[in-house]
Amino acid sequence: MGIAETEEGYYMGLYSNFDSTKPDDFTYLPRNEEALNFYADNEELKKLIRFTKGYYHIGQDENGTYLADLRFGKAGIDESADYIFKFYLRELEGELVIEQAQRSGNIDGEAFSGFIDRIKGI
């Protein structure tokens, strides 16, 4: 996986050293840091952002608002794959609560095969 950072987000793409051509299908992912403005002084959030070394994306899914650490990518190569490190940001009684998303410990066989194919440059 390759990540190119801009001021407001990232261009991400999958590639292998064995690819016969250079990748040209990078996907833009906005950082969306303005979504965190209300919690800018929260120490736990600051620690989480330090943990990501600044490579994070704020998104929304059916379970709420989340912060994803982009350095570790997704648990698969298709668009629907979930991020390896994903933290939900919830408000409880006026306080920010950060919960790591629960993931299955199993690797999907199809996703694993897809990773191996990408390593091979297929």
PDB file of N, CA and C in Angstrom:
ATOM      1  N   MET A   1       0.851  -1.173   0.000  1.00  0.00           N
ATOM      2  CA  MET A   1       0.000   0.000   0.000  1.00  0.00           C
ATOM      3  C   MET A   1       0.893   1.231   0.000  1.00  0.00           C
ATOM      4  N   GLY A   2       0.489   2.212  -0.751  1.00  0.00           N
ATOM      5  CA  GLY A   2       1.198   3.481  -0.762  1.00  0.00           C
ATOM      6  C   GLY A   2       0.272   4.592  -0.305  1.00  0.00           C
ATOM      7  N   ILE A   3       0.824   5.539   0.454  1.00  0.00           N
ATOM      8  CA  ILE A   3       0.048   6.678   0.939  1.00  0.00           C
ATOM      9  C   ILE A   3       0.818   7.951   0.605  1.00  0.00           C
ATOM     10  N   ALA A   4       0.146   8.888  -0.034  1.00  0.00           N
ATOM     11  CA  ALA A   4       0.713  10.208  -0.292  1.00  0.00           C
ATOM     12  C   ALA A   4      -0.144  11.224   0.455  1.00  0.00           C
ATOM     13  N   GLU A   5       0.483  12.013   1.312  1.00  0.00           N
ATOM     14  CA  GLU A   5      -0.243  12.952   2.157  1.00  0.00           C
ATOM     15  C   GLU A   5      -0.352  14.324   1.497  1.00  0.00           C
ATOM     16  N   THR A   6      -1.528  14.931   1.632  1.00  0.00           N
ATOM     17  CA  THR A   6      -1.742  16.318   1.224  1.00  0.00           C
ATOM     18  C   THR A   6      -2.111  17.092   2.489  1.00  0.00           C
ATOM     19  N   GLU A   7      -2.387  18.373   2.354  1.00  0.00           N
ATOM     20  CA  GLU A   7      -2.753  19.155   3.539  1.00  0.00           C
ATOM     21  C   GLU A   7      -4.062  18.708   4.163  1.00  0.00           C
ATOM     22  N   GLU A   8      -4.988  18.193   3.354  1.00  0.00           N
ATOM     23  CA  GLU A   8      -6.312  17.856   3.863  1.00  0.00           C
ATOM     24  C   GLU A   8      -6.659  16.380   3.808  1.00  0.00           C
ATOM     25  N   GLY A   9      -5.738  15.542   3.343  1.00  0.00           N
ATOM     26  CA  GLY A   9      -6.058  14.123   3.257  1.00  0.00           C
ATOM     27  C   GLY A   9      -4.937  13.312   2.646  1.00  0.00           C
ATOM     28  N   TYR A  10      -5.319  12.212   2.011  1.00  0.00           N
ATOM     29  CA  TYR A  10      -4.341  11.253   1.520  1.00  0.00           C
ATOM     30  C   TYR A  10      -4.787  10.660   0.190  1.00  0.00           C
ATOM     31  N   TYR A  11      -3.818  10.315  -0.637  1.00  0.00           N
ATOM     32  CA  TYR A  11      -4.051   9.486  -1.812  1.00  0.00           C
ATOM     33  C   TYR A  11      -3.486   8.123  -1.467  1.00  0.00           C
ATOM     34  N   MET A  12      -4.319   7.103  -1.611  1.00  0.00           N
ATOM     35  CA  MET A  12      -3.907   5.747  -1.238  1.00  0.00           C
ATOM     36  C   MET A  12      -4.068   4.811  -2.421  1.00  0.00           C
ATOM     37  N   GLY A  13      -3.151   3.863  -2.533  1.00  0.00           N
ATOM     38  CA  GLY A  13      -3.236   2.882  -3.602  1.00  0.00           C
ATOM     39  C   GLY A  13      -2.488   1.616  -3.245  1.00  0.00           C
ATOM     40  N   LEU A  14      -2.890   0.535  -3.863  1.00  0.00           N
ATOM     41  CA  LEU A  14      -2.213  -0.746  -3.673  1.00  0.00           C
ATOM     42  C   LEU A  14      -1.238  -0.969  -4.816  1.00  0.00           C
ATOM     43  N   TYR A  15      -0.062  -1.437  -4.479  1.00  0.00           N
ATOM     44  CA  TYR A  15       0.903  -1.761  -5.513  1.00  0.00           C
ATOM     45  C   TYR A  15       1.852  -2.831  -4.990  1.00  0.00           C
ATOM     46  N   SER A  16       2.569  -3.429  -5.892  1.00  0.00           N
ATOM     47  CA  SER A  16       3.561  -4.441  -5.555  1.00  0.00           C
ATOM     48  C   SER A  16       4.842  -4.115  -6.304  1.00  0.00           C
ATOM     49  N   ASN A  17       5.964  -4.472  -5.744  1.00  0.00           N
ATOM     50  CA  ASN A  17       7.238  -4.306  -6.443  1.00  0.00           C
ATOM     51  C   ASN A  17       7.279  -5.153  -7.712  1.00  0.00           C
ATOM     52  N   PHE A  18       6.396  -6.126  -7.809  1.00  0.00           N
ATOM     53  CA  PHE A  18       6.349  -7.011  -8.962  1.00  0.00           C
ATOM     54  C   PHE A  18       5.353  -6.550 -10.031  1.00  0.00           C
ATOM     55  N   ASP A  19       4.646  -5.439  -9.804  1.00  0.00           N
ATOM     56  CA  ASP A  19       3.734  -4.908 -10.822  1.00  0.00           C
ATOM     57  C   ASP A  19       4.528  -4.554 -12.073  1.00  0.00           C
ATOM     58  N   SER A  20       3.954  -4.821 -13.231  1.00  0.00           N
ATOM     59  CA  SER A  20       4.637  -4.507 -14.490  1.00  0.00           C
ATOM     60  C   SER A  20       4.515  -3.024 -14.850  1.00  0.00           C
ATOM     61  N   THR A  21       3.535  -2.325 -14.259  1.00  0.00           N
ATOM     62  CA  THR A  21       3.370  -0.892 -14.500  1.00  0.00           C
ATOM     63  C   THR A  21       3.244  -0.166 -13.165  1.00  0.00           C
ATOM     64  N   LYS A  22       3.467   1.127 -13.209  1.00  0.00           N
ATOM     65  CA  LYS A  22       3.308   1.933 -11.997  1.00  0.00           C
ATOM     66  C   LYS A  22       1.825   2.091 -11.704  1.00  0.00           C
ATOM     67  N   PRO A  23       1.454   2.131 -10.420  1.00  0.00           N
ATOM     68  CA  PRO A  23       0.027   2.301 -10.092  1.00  0.00           C
ATOM     69  C   PRO A  23      -0.462   3.678 -10.527  1.00  0.00           C
ATOM     70  N   ASP A  24      -1.704   3.730 -11.006  1.00  0.00           N
ATOM     71  CA  ASP A  24      -2.282   5.014 -11.408  1.00  0.00           C
ATOM     72  C   ASP A  24      -3.704   5.191 -10.881  1.00  0.00           C
ATOM     73  N   ASP A  25      -4.126   4.296 -10.021  1.00  0.00           N
ATOM     74  CA  ASP A  25      -5.495   4.366  -9.514  1.00  0.00           C
ATOM     75  C   ASP A  25      -5.526   4.624  -8.009  1.00  0.00           C
ATOM     76  N   PHE A  26      -4.985   5.781  -7.631  1.00  0.00           N
ATOM     77  CA  PHE A  26      -4.990   6.156  -6.228  1.00  0.00           C
ATOM     78  C   PHE A  26      -6.357   6.728  -5.857  1.00  0.00           C
ATOM     79  N   THR A  27      -6.786   6.437  -4.654  1.00  0.00           N
ATOM     80  CA  THR A  27      -8.069   6.910  -4.144  1.00  0.00           C
ATOM     81  C   THR A  27      -7.812   8.026  -3.138  1.00  0.00           C
ATOM     82  N   TYR A  28      -8.550   9.141  -3.264  1.00  0.00           N
ATOM     83  CA  TYR A  28      -8.396  10.236  -2.312  1.00  0.00           C
ATOM     84  C   TYR A  28      -9.273   9.982  -1.091  1.00  0.00           C
ATOM     85  N   LEU A  29      -8.684  10.170   0.077  1.00  0.00           N
ATOM     86  CA  LEU A  29      -9.389   9.991   1.338  1.00  0.00           C
ATOM     87  C   LEU A  29      -9.157  11.232   2.192  1.00  0.00           C
ATOM     88  N   PRO A  30     -10.193  12.035   2.449  1.00  0.00           N
ATOM     89  CA  PRO A  30     -10.001  13.241   3.264  1.00  0.00           C
ATOM     90  C   PRO A  30      -9.742  12.876   4.723  1.00  0.00           C
ATOM     91  N   ARG A  31      -8.932  13.682   5.401  1.00  0.00           N
ATOM     92  CA  ARG A  31      -8.646  13.446   6.816  1.00  0.00           C
ATOM     93  C   ARG A  31      -9.889  13.754   7.654  1.00  0.00           C
ATOM     94  N   ASN A  32     -10.642  14.795   7.280  1.00  0.00           N
ATOM     95  CA  ASN A  32     -11.855  15.220   7.993  1.00  0.00           C
ATOM     96  C   ASN A  32     -11.577  15.640   9.436  1.00  0.00           C
ATOM     97  N   GLU A  33     -10.428  16.223   9.674  1.00  0.00           N
ATOM     98  CA  GLU A  33     -10.059  16.587  11.044  1.00  0.00           C
ATOM     99  C   GLU A  33     -10.973  17.631  11.668  1.00  0.00           C
ATOM    100  N   GLU A  34     -11.698  18.384  10.837  1.00  0.00           N
ATOM    101  CA  GLU A  34     -12.617  19.387  11.388  1.00  0.00           C
ATOM    102  C   GLU A  34     -13.718  18.730  12.223  1.00  0.00           C
ATOM    103  N   ALA A  35     -13.977  17.455  11.994  1.00  0.00           N
ATOM    104  CA  ALA A  35     -14.979  16.729  12.784  1.00  0.00           C
ATOM    105  C   ALA A  35     -14.533  16.568  14.240  1.00  0.00           C
ATOM    106  N   LEU A  36     -13.250  16.785  14.509  1.00  0.00           N
ATOM    107  CA  LEU A  36     -12.715  16.631  15.865  1.00  0.00           C
ATOM    108  C   LEU A  36     -12.593  17.954  16.612  1.00  0.00           C
ATOM    109  N   ASN A  37     -12.935  19.067  15.977  1.00  0.00           N
ATOM    110  CA  ASN A  37     -12.735  20.381  16.588  1.00  0.00           C
ATOM    111  C   ASN A  37     -13.365  20.504  17.969  1.00  0.00           C
ATOM    112  N   PHE A  38     -14.530  19.933  18.163  1.00  0.00           N
ATOM    113  CA  PHE A  38     -15.228  20.034  19.448  1.00  0.00           C
ATOM    114  C   PHE A  38     -14.428  19.362  20.568  1.00  0.00           C
ATOM    115  N   TYR A  39     -13.609  18.351  20.209  1.00  0.00           N
ATOM    116  CA  TYR A  39     -12.846  17.595  21.207  1.00  0.00           C
ATOM    117  C   TYR A  39     -11.350  17.881  21.145  1.00  0.00           C
ATOM    118  N   ALA A  40     -10.970  19.008  20.588  1.00  0.00           N
ATOM    119  CA  ALA A  40      -9.560  19.317  20.354  1.00  0.00           C
ATOM    120  C   ALA A  40      -8.700  19.262  21.613  1.00  0.00           C
ATOM    121  N   ASP A  41      -9.279  19.530  22.774  1.00  0.00           N
ATOM    122  CA  ASP A  41      -8.511  19.537  24.015  1.00  0.00           C
ATOM    123  C   ASP A  41      -8.547  18.200  24.761  1.00  0.00           C
ATOM    124  N   ASN A  42      -9.211  17.205  24.213  1.00  0.00           N
ATOM    125  CA  ASN A  42      -9.341  15.912  24.879  1.00  0.00           C
ATOM    126  C   ASN A  42      -8.003  15.166  24.841  1.00  0.00           C
ATOM    127  N   GLU A  43      -7.470  14.835  26.002  1.00  0.00           N
ATOM    128  CA  GLU A  43      -6.151  14.188  26.103  1.00  0.00           C
ATOM    129  C   GLU A  43      -6.135  12.790  25.486  1.00  0.00           C
ATOM    130  N   GLU A  44      -7.199  12.029  25.646  1.00  0.00           N
ATOM    131  CA  GLU A  44      -7.237  10.680  25.064  1.00  0.00           C
ATOM    132  C   GLU A  44      -7.234  10.744  23.538  1.00  0.00           C
ATOM    133  N   LEU A  45      -7.945  11.714  22.995  1.00  0.00           N
ATOM    134  CA  LEU A  45      -7.958  11.887  21.542  1.00  0.00           C
ATOM    135  C   LEU A  45      -6.573  12.314  21.046  1.00  0.00           C
ATOM    136  N   LYS A  46      -5.924  13.192  21.779  1.00  0.00           N
ATOM    137  CA  LYS A  46      -4.560  13.607  21.409  1.00  0.00           C
ATOM    138  C   LYS A  46      -3.620  12.401  21.399  1.00  0.00           C
ATOM    139  N   LYS A  47      -3.747  11.518  22.382  1.00  0.00           N
ATOM    140  CA  LYS A  47      -2.915  10.301  22.424  1.00  0.00           C
ATOM    141  C   LYS A  47      -3.184   9.411  21.223  1.00  0.00           C
ATOM    142  N   LEU A  48      -4.452   9.263  20.869  1.00  0.00           N
ATOM    143  CA  LEU A  48      -4.824   8.426  19.731  1.00  0.00           C
ATOM    144  C   LEU A  48      -4.250   9.000  18.432  1.00  0.00           C
ATOM    145  N   ILE A  49      -4.319  10.302  18.268  1.00  0.00           N
ATOM    146  CA  ILE A  49      -3.759  10.932  17.073  1.00  0.00           C
ATOM    147  C   ILE A  49      -2.245  10.765  17.038  1.00  0.00           C
ATOM    148  N   ARG A  50      -1.594  10.874  18.200  1.00  0.00           N
ATOM    149  CA  ARG A  50      -0.139  10.620  18.259  1.00  0.00           C
ATOM    150  C   ARG A  50       0.167   9.178  17.882  1.00  0.00           C
ATOM    151  N   PHE A  51      -0.666   8.245  18.338  1.00  0.00           N
ATOM    152  CA  PHE A  51      -0.500   6.824  18.010  1.00  0.00           C
ATOM    153  C   PHE A  51      -0.525   6.619  16.495  1.00  0.00           C
ATOM    154  N   THR A  52      -1.393   7.356  15.798  1.00  0.00           N
ATOM    155  CA  THR A  52      -1.507   7.212  14.336  1.00  0.00           C
ATOM    156  C   THR A  52      -0.382   7.930  13.597  1.00  0.00           C
ATOM    157  N   LYS A  53       0.433   8.683  14.333  1.00  0.00           N
ATOM    158  CA  LYS A  53       1.491   9.510  13.747  1.00  0.00           C
ATOM    159  C   LYS A  53       0.918  10.488  12.711  1.00  0.00           C
ATOM    160  N   GLY A  54      -0.345  10.871  12.915  1.00  0.00           N
ATOM    161  CA  GLY A  54      -0.999  11.840  12.040  1.00  0.00           C
ATOM    162  C   GLY A  54      -1.634  11.246  10.794  1.00  0.00           C
ATOM    163  N   TYR A  55      -1.523   9.932  10.608  1.00  0.00           N
ATOM    164  CA  TYR A  55      -2.112   9.272   9.433  1.00  0.00           C
ATOM    165  C   TYR A  55      -3.458   8.671   9.829  1.00  0.00           C
ATOM    166  N   TYR A  56      -4.473   9.520   9.849  1.00  0.00           N
ATOM    167  CA  TYR A  56      -5.793   9.063  10.250  1.00  0.00           C
ATOM    168  C   TYR A  56      -6.866   9.645   9.350  1.00  0.00           C
ATOM    169  N   HIS A  57      -8.001   9.003   9.396  1.00  0.00           N
ATOM    170  CA  HIS A  57      -9.186   9.441   8.653  1.00  0.00           C
ATOM    171  C   HIS A  57     -10.368   9.379   9.605  1.00  0.00           C
ATOM    172  N   ILE A  58     -11.177  10.425   9.603  1.00  0.00           N
ATOM    173  CA  ILE A  58     -12.413  10.438  10.386  1.00  0.00           C
ATOM    174  C   ILE A  58     -13.543  10.098   9.419  1.00  0.00           C
ATOM    175  N   GLY A  59     -14.288   9.065   9.743  1.00  0.00           N
ATOM    176  CA  GLY A  59     -15.372   8.632   8.872  1.00  0.00           C
ATOM    177  C   GLY A  59     -16.623   8.311   9.663  1.00  0.00           C
ATOM    178  N   GLN A  60     -17.620   7.884   8.946  1.00  0.00           N
ATOM    179  CA  GLN A  60     -18.914   7.553   9.527  1.00  0.00           C
ATOM    180  C   GLN A  60     -19.380   6.243   8.907  1.00  0.00           C
ATOM    181  N   ASP A  61     -19.890   5.333   9.727  1.00  0.00           N
ATOM    182  CA  ASP A  61     -20.516   4.122   9.206  1.00  0.00           C
ATOM    183  C   ASP A  61     -21.772   3.835  10.019  1.00  0.00           C
ATOM    184  N   GLU A  62     -22.344   2.655   9.852  1.00  0.00           N
ATOM    185  CA  GLU A  62     -23.600   2.337  10.537  1.00  0.00           C
ATOM    186  C   GLU A  62     -23.474   2.324  12.062  1.00  0.00           C
ATOM    187  N   ASN A  63     -22.239   2.255  12.576  1.00  0.00           N
ATOM    188  CA  ASN A  63     -22.028   2.238  14.029  1.00  0.00           C
ATOM    189  C   ASN A  63     -21.628   3.592  14.607  1.00  0.00           C
ATOM    190  N   GLY A  64     -21.481   4.596  13.763  1.00  0.00           N
ATOM    191  CA  GLY A  64     -21.156   5.926  14.252  1.00  0.00           C
ATOM    192  C   GLY A  64     -19.885   6.502  13.646  1.00  0.00           C
ATOM    193  N   THR A  65     -19.365   7.533  14.304  1.00  0.00           N
ATOM    194  CA  THR A  65     -18.154   8.224  13.857  1.00  0.00           C
ATOM    195  C   THR A  65     -16.937   7.432  14.314  1.00  0.00           C
ATOM    196  N   TYR A  66     -15.952   7.316  13.422  1.00  0.00           N
ATOM    197  CA  TYR A  66     -14.751   6.564  13.778  1.00  0.00           C
ATOM    198  C   TYR A  66     -13.493   7.291  13.321  1.00  0.00           C
ATOM    199  N   LEU A  67     -12.385   6.941  13.953  1.00  0.00           N
ATOM    200  CA  LEU A  67     -11.060   7.368  13.544  1.00  0.00           C
ATOM    201  C   LEU A  67     -10.321   6.109  13.131  1.00  0.00           C
ATOM    202  N   ALA A  68      -9.802   6.084  11.893  1.00  0.00           N
ATOM    203  CA  ALA A  68      -9.070   4.919  11.384  1.00  0.00           C
ATOM    204  C   ALA A  68      -7.603   5.275  11.245  1.00  0.00           C
ATOM    205  N   ASP A  69      -6.719   4.397  11.716  1.00  0.00           N
ATOM    206  CA  ASP A  69      -5.278   4.544  11.547  1.00  0.00           C
ATOM    207  C   ASP A  69      -4.937   4.005  10.165  1.00  0.00           C
ATOM    208  N   LEU A  70      -4.525   4.878   9.272  1.00  0.00           N
ATOM    209  CA  LEU A  70      -4.299   4.501   7.879  1.00  0.00           C
ATOM    210  C   LEU A  70      -2.992   3.753   7.655  1.00  0.00           C
ATOM    211  N   ARG A  71      -2.062   3.810   8.599  1.00  0.00           N
ATOM    212  CA  ARG A  71      -0.758   3.174   8.393  1.00  0.00           C
ATOM    213  C   ARG A  71      -0.866   1.665   8.230  1.00  0.00           C
ATOM    214  N   PHE A  72      -1.907   1.060   8.771  1.00  0.00           N
ATOM    215  CA  PHE A  72      -2.043  -0.390   8.735  1.00  0.00           C
ATOM    216  C   PHE A  72      -3.031  -0.865   7.675  1.00  0.00           C
ATOM    217  N   GLY A  73      -3.684   0.061   7.005  1.00  0.00           N
ATOM    218  CA  GLY A  73      -4.571  -0.300   5.908  1.00  0.00           C
ATOM    219  C   GLY A  73      -5.835  -1.006   6.350  1.00  0.00           C
ATOM    220  N   LYS A  74      -6.368  -1.776   5.409  1.00  0.00           N
ATOM    221  CA  LYS A  74      -7.628  -2.484   5.621  1.00  0.00           C
ATOM    222  C   LYS A  74      -7.393  -3.985   5.693  1.00  0.00           C
ATOM    223  N   ALA A  75      -8.384  -4.686   6.202  1.00  0.00           N
ATOM    224  CA  ALA A  75      -8.315  -6.150   6.331  1.00  0.00           C
ATOM    225  C   ALA A  75      -8.839  -6.811   5.064  1.00  0.00           C
ATOM    226  N   GLY A  76      -8.461  -6.292   3.928  1.00  0.00           N
ATOM    227  CA  GLY A  76      -8.887  -6.794   2.626  1.00  0.00           C
ATOM    228  C   GLY A  76      -8.562  -5.750   1.583  1.00  0.00           C
ATOM    229  N   ILE A  77      -8.728  -6.112   0.309  1.00  0.00           N
ATOM    230  CA  ILE A  77      -8.348  -5.159  -0.728  1.00  0.00           C
ATOM    231  C   ILE A  77      -9.522  -4.509  -1.441  1.00  0.00           C
ATOM    232  N   ASP A  78     -10.745  -4.894  -1.091  1.00  0.00           N
ATOM    233  CA  ASP A  78     -11.885  -4.251  -1.749  1.00  0.00           C
ATOM    234  C   ASP A  78     -12.375  -3.062  -0.919  1.00  0.00           C
ATOM    235  N   GLU A  79     -13.211  -2.256  -1.518  1.00  0.00           N
ATOM    236  CA  GLU A  79     -13.702  -1.033  -0.873  1.00  0.00           C
ATOM    237  C   GLU A  79     -14.454  -1.296   0.430  1.00  0.00           C
ATOM    238  N   SER A  80     -15.122  -2.439   0.527  1.00  0.00           N
ATOM    239  CA  SER A  80     -15.937  -2.723   1.708  1.00  0.00           C
ATOM    240  C   SER A  80     -15.122  -3.242   2.896  1.00  0.00           C
ATOM    241  N   ALA A  81     -13.845  -3.518   2.691  1.00  0.00           N
ATOM    242  CA  ALA A  81     -13.008  -4.027   3.784  1.00  0.00           C
ATOM    243  C   ALA A  81     -12.892  -2.986   4.885  1.00  0.00           C
ATOM    244  N   ASP A  82     -12.799  -3.460   6.110  1.00  0.00           N
ATOM    245  CA  ASP A  82     -12.712  -2.569   7.254  1.00  0.00           C
ATOM    246  C   ASP A  82     -11.252  -2.293   7.600  1.00  0.00           C
ATOM    247  N   TYR A  83     -11.009  -1.174   8.265  1.00  0.00           N
ATOM    248  CA  TYR A  83      -9.661  -0.807   8.675  1.00  0.00           C
ATOM    249  C   TYR A  83      -9.173  -1.725   9.794  1.00  0.00           C
ATOM    250  N   ILE A  84      -7.877  -2.008   9.783  1.00  0.00           N
ATOM    251  CA  ILE A  84      -7.276  -2.852  10.817  1.00  0.00           C
ATOM    252  C   ILE A  84      -7.421  -2.195  12.196  1.00  0.00           C
ATOM    253  N   PHE A  85      -7.035  -0.908  12.285  1.00  0.00           N
ATOM    254  CA  PHE A  85      -7.174  -0.171  13.539  1.00  0.00           C
ATOM    255  C   PHE A  85      -8.217   0.923  13.349  1.00  0.00           C
ATOM    256  N   LYS A  86      -9.352   0.717  13.991  1.00  0.00           N
ATOM    257  CA  LYS A  86     -10.499   1.625  13.865  1.00  0.00           C
ATOM    258  C   LYS A  86     -11.051   1.867  15.261  1.00  0.00           C
ATOM    259  N   PHE A  87     -11.263   3.143  15.580  1.00  0.00           N
ATOM    260  CA  PHE A  87     -11.723   3.530  16.915  1.00  0.00           C
ATOM    261  C   PHE A  87     -12.987   4.361  16.790  1.00  0.00           C
ATOM    262  N   TYR A  88     -14.030   3.952  17.487  1.00  0.00           N
ATOM    263  CA  TYR A  88     -15.275   4.720  17.480  1.00  0.00           C
ATOM    264  C   TYR A  88     -15.189   5.841  18.501  1.00  0.00           C
ATOM    265  N   LEU A  89     -15.700   6.996  18.105  1.00  0.00           N
ATOM    266  CA  LEU A  89     -15.710   8.195  18.940  1.00  0.00           C
ATOM    267  C   LEU A  89     -17.151   8.469  19.317  1.00  0.00           C
ATOM    268  N   ARG A  90     -17.464   8.280  20.583  1.00  0.00           N
ATOM    269  CA  ARG A  90     -18.840   8.452  21.047  1.00  0.00           C
ATOM    270  C   ARG A  90     -18.874   9.473  22.180  1.00  0.00           C
ATOM    271  N   GLU A  91     -19.999  10.145  22.278  1.00  0.00           N
ATOM    272  CA  GLU A  91     -20.177  11.083  23.381  1.00  0.00           C
ATOM    273  C   GLU A  91     -21.099  10.449  24.400  1.00  0.00           C
ATOM    274  N   LEU A  92     -20.662  10.455  25.651  1.00  0.00           N
ATOM    275  CA  LEU A  92     -21.446   9.898  26.742  1.00  0.00           C
ATOM    276  C   LEU A  92     -21.444  10.905  27.884  1.00  0.00           C
ATOM    277  N   GLU A  93     -22.606  11.426  28.184  1.00  0.00           N
ATOM    278  CA  GLU A  93     -22.769  12.415  29.250  1.00  0.00           C
ATOM    279  C   GLU A  93     -21.811  13.586  29.077  1.00  0.00           C
ATOM    280  N   GLY A  94     -21.685  14.064  27.843  1.00  0.00           N
ATOM    281  CA  GLY A  94     -20.860  15.230  27.557  1.00  0.00           C
ATOM    282  C   GLY A  94     -19.370  14.951  27.435  1.00  0.00           C
ATOM    283  N   GLU A  95     -18.968  13.709  27.589  1.00  0.00           N
ATOM    284  CA  GLU A  95     -17.551  13.338  27.508  1.00  0.00           C
ATOM    285  C   GLU A  95     -17.304  12.461  26.290  1.00  0.00           C
ATOM    286  N   LEU A  96     -16.119  12.588  25.710  1.00  0.00           N
ATOM    287  CA  LEU A  96     -15.736  11.747  24.586  1.00  0.00           C
ATOM    288  C   LEU A  96     -15.290  10.380  25.095  1.00  0.00           C
ATOM    289  N   VAL A  97     -15.849   9.336  24.509  1.00  0.00           N
ATOM    290  CA  VAL A  97     -15.470   7.960  24.829  1.00  0.00           C
ATOM    291  C   VAL A  97     -14.902   7.347  23.556  1.00  0.00           C
ATOM    292  N   ILE A  98     -13.710   6.748  23.661  1.00  0.00           N
ATOM    293  CA  ILE A  98     -13.050   6.135  22.510  1.00  0.00           C
ATOM    294  C   ILE A  98     -13.043   4.628  22.712  1.00  0.00           C
ATOM    295  N   GLU A  99     -13.598   3.909  21.726  1.00  0.00           N
ATOM    296  CA  GLU A  99     -13.673   2.444  21.816  1.00  0.00           C
ATOM    297  C   GLU A  99     -13.078   1.836  20.559  1.00  0.00           C
ATOM    298  N   GLN A 100     -12.152   0.893  20.734  1.00  0.00           N
ATOM    299  CA  GLN A 100     -11.604   0.218  19.561  1.00  0.00           C
ATOM    300  C   GLN A 100     -12.662  -0.705  18.982  1.00  0.00           C
ATOM    301  N   ALA A 101     -12.807  -0.662  17.658  1.00  0.00           N
ATOM    302  CA  ALA A 101     -13.783  -1.522  16.984  1.00  0.00           C
ATOM    303  C   ALA A 101     -13.394  -2.981  17.178  1.00  0.00           C
ATOM    304  N   GLN A 102     -14.399  -3.811  17.368  1.00  0.00           N
ATOM    305  CA  GLN A 102     -14.164  -5.248  17.521  1.00  0.00           C
ATOM    306  C   GLN A 102     -14.036  -5.877  16.146  1.00  0.00           C
ATOM    307  N   ARG A 103     -13.010  -6.698  15.993  1.00  0.00           N
ATOM    308  CA  ARG A 103     -12.797  -7.385  14.721  1.00  0.00           C
ATOM    309  C   ARG A 103     -12.723  -8.879  14.975  1.00  0.00           C
ATOM    310  N   SER A 104     -13.022  -9.607  13.958  1.00  0.00           N
ATOM    311  CA  SER A 104     -12.855 -11.050  14.010  1.00  0.00           C
ATOM    312  C   SER A 104     -11.371 -11.357  13.951  1.00  0.00           C
ATOM    313  N   GLY A 105     -10.924 -12.360  14.672  1.00  0.00           N
ATOM    314  CA  GLY A 105      -9.529 -12.778  14.644  1.00  0.00           C
ATOM    315  C   GLY A 105      -9.194 -13.608  13.430  1.00  0.00           C
ATOM    316  N   ASN A 106     -10.201 -13.948  12.640  1.00  0.00           N
ATOM    317  CA  ASN A 106      -9.978 -14.789  11.467  1.00  0.00           C
ATOM    318  C   ASN A 106      -9.730 -13.937  10.231  1.00  0.00           C
ATOM    319  N   ILE A 107      -8.848 -14.439   9.371  1.00  0.00           N
ATOM    320  CA  ILE A 107      -8.587 -13.780   8.099  1.00  0.00           C
ATOM    321  C   ILE A 107      -9.434 -14.460   7.042  1.00  0.00           C
ATOM    322  N   ASP A 108     -10.218 -13.668   6.341  1.00  0.00           N
ATOM    323  CA  ASP A 108     -11.049 -14.182   5.258  1.00  0.00           C
ATOM    324  C   ASP A 108     -10.138 -14.776   4.186  1.00  0.00           C
ATOM    325  N   GLY A 109     -10.411 -16.018   3.780  1.00  0.00           N
ATOM    326  CA  GLY A 109      -9.594 -16.708   2.787  1.00  0.00           C
ATOM    327  C   GLY A 109      -9.497 -15.960   1.471  1.00  0.00           C
ATOM    328  N   GLU A 110     -10.604 -15.370   1.033  1.00  0.00           N
ATOM    329  CA  GLU A 110     -10.611 -14.621  -0.222  1.00  0.00           C
ATOM    330  C   GLU A 110      -9.751 -13.361  -0.106  1.00  0.00           C
ATOM    331  N   ALA A 111      -9.828 -12.676   1.036  1.00  0.00           N
ATOM    332  CA  ALA A 111      -9.011 -11.482   1.249  1.00  0.00           C
ATOM    333  C   ALA A 111      -7.532 -11.853   1.281  1.00  0.00           C
ATOM    334  N   PHE A 112      -7.213 -12.963   1.933  1.00  0.00           N
ATOM    335  CA  PHE A 112      -5.822 -13.412   2.008  1.00  0.00           C
ATOM    336  C   PHE A 112      -5.288 -13.727   0.616  1.00  0.00           C
ATOM    337  N   SER A 113      -6.085 -14.421  -0.191  1.00  0.00           N
ATOM    338  CA  SER A 113      -5.684 -14.732  -1.567  1.00  0.00           C
ATOM    339  C   SER A 113      -5.481 -13.451  -2.373  1.00  0.00           C
ATOM    340  N   GLY A 114      -6.339 -12.462  -2.143  1.00  0.00           N
ATOM    341  CA  GLY A 114      -6.204 -11.183  -2.827  1.00  0.00           C
ATOM    342  C   GLY A 114      -4.902 -10.483  -2.462  1.00  0.00           C
ATOM    343  N   PHE A 115      -4.529 -10.528  -1.178  1.00  0.00           N
ATOM    344  CA  PHE A 115      -3.258  -9.942  -0.745  1.00  0.00           C
ATOM    345  C   PHE A 115      -2.089 -10.643  -1.422  1.00  0.00           C
ATOM    346  N   ILE A 116      -2.113 -11.959  -1.463  1.00  0.00           N
ATOM    347  CA  ILE A 116      -1.026 -12.720  -2.082  1.00  0.00           C
ATOM    348  C   ILE A 116      -0.931 -12.376  -3.560  1.00  0.00           C
ATOM    349  N   ASP A 117      -2.064 -12.274  -4.243  1.00  0.00           N
ATOM    350  CA  ASP A 117      -2.048 -11.901  -5.666  1.00  0.00           C
ATOM    351  C   ASP A 117      -1.431 -10.518  -5.865  1.00  0.00           C
ATOM    352  N   ARG A 118      -1.778  -9.564  -4.970  1.00  0.00           N
ATOM    353  CA  ARG A 118      -1.215  -8.212  -5.104  1.00  0.00           C
ATOM    354  C   ARG A 118       0.297  -8.232  -4.870  1.00  0.00           C
ATOM    355  N   ILE A 119       0.764  -9.036  -3.921  1.00  0.00           N
ATOM    356  CA  ILE A 119       2.211  -9.145  -3.683  1.00  0.00           C
ATOM    357  C   ILE A 119       2.913  -9.658  -4.933  1.00  0.00           C
ATOM    358  N   LYS A 120       2.272 -10.600  -5.612  1.00  0.00           N
ATOM    359  CA  LYS A 120       2.836 -11.179  -6.839  1.00  0.00           C
ATOM    360  C   LYS A 120       2.734 -10.238  -8.031  1.00  0.00           C
ATOM    361  N   GLY A 121       1.977  -9.170  -7.889  1.00  0.00           N
ATOM    362  CA  GLY A 121       1.791  -8.231  -8.993  1.00  0.00           C
ATOM    363  C   GLY A 121       0.668  -8.612  -9.927  1.00  0.00           C
ATOM    364  N   ILE A 122      -0.236  -9.461  -9.468  1.00  0.00           N
ATOM    365  CA  ILE A 122      -1.361  -9.927 -10.292  1.00  0.00           C
ATOM    366  C   ILE A 122      -2.546  -9.009 -10.112  1.00  0.00           C
TER     367      ILE A 122
END
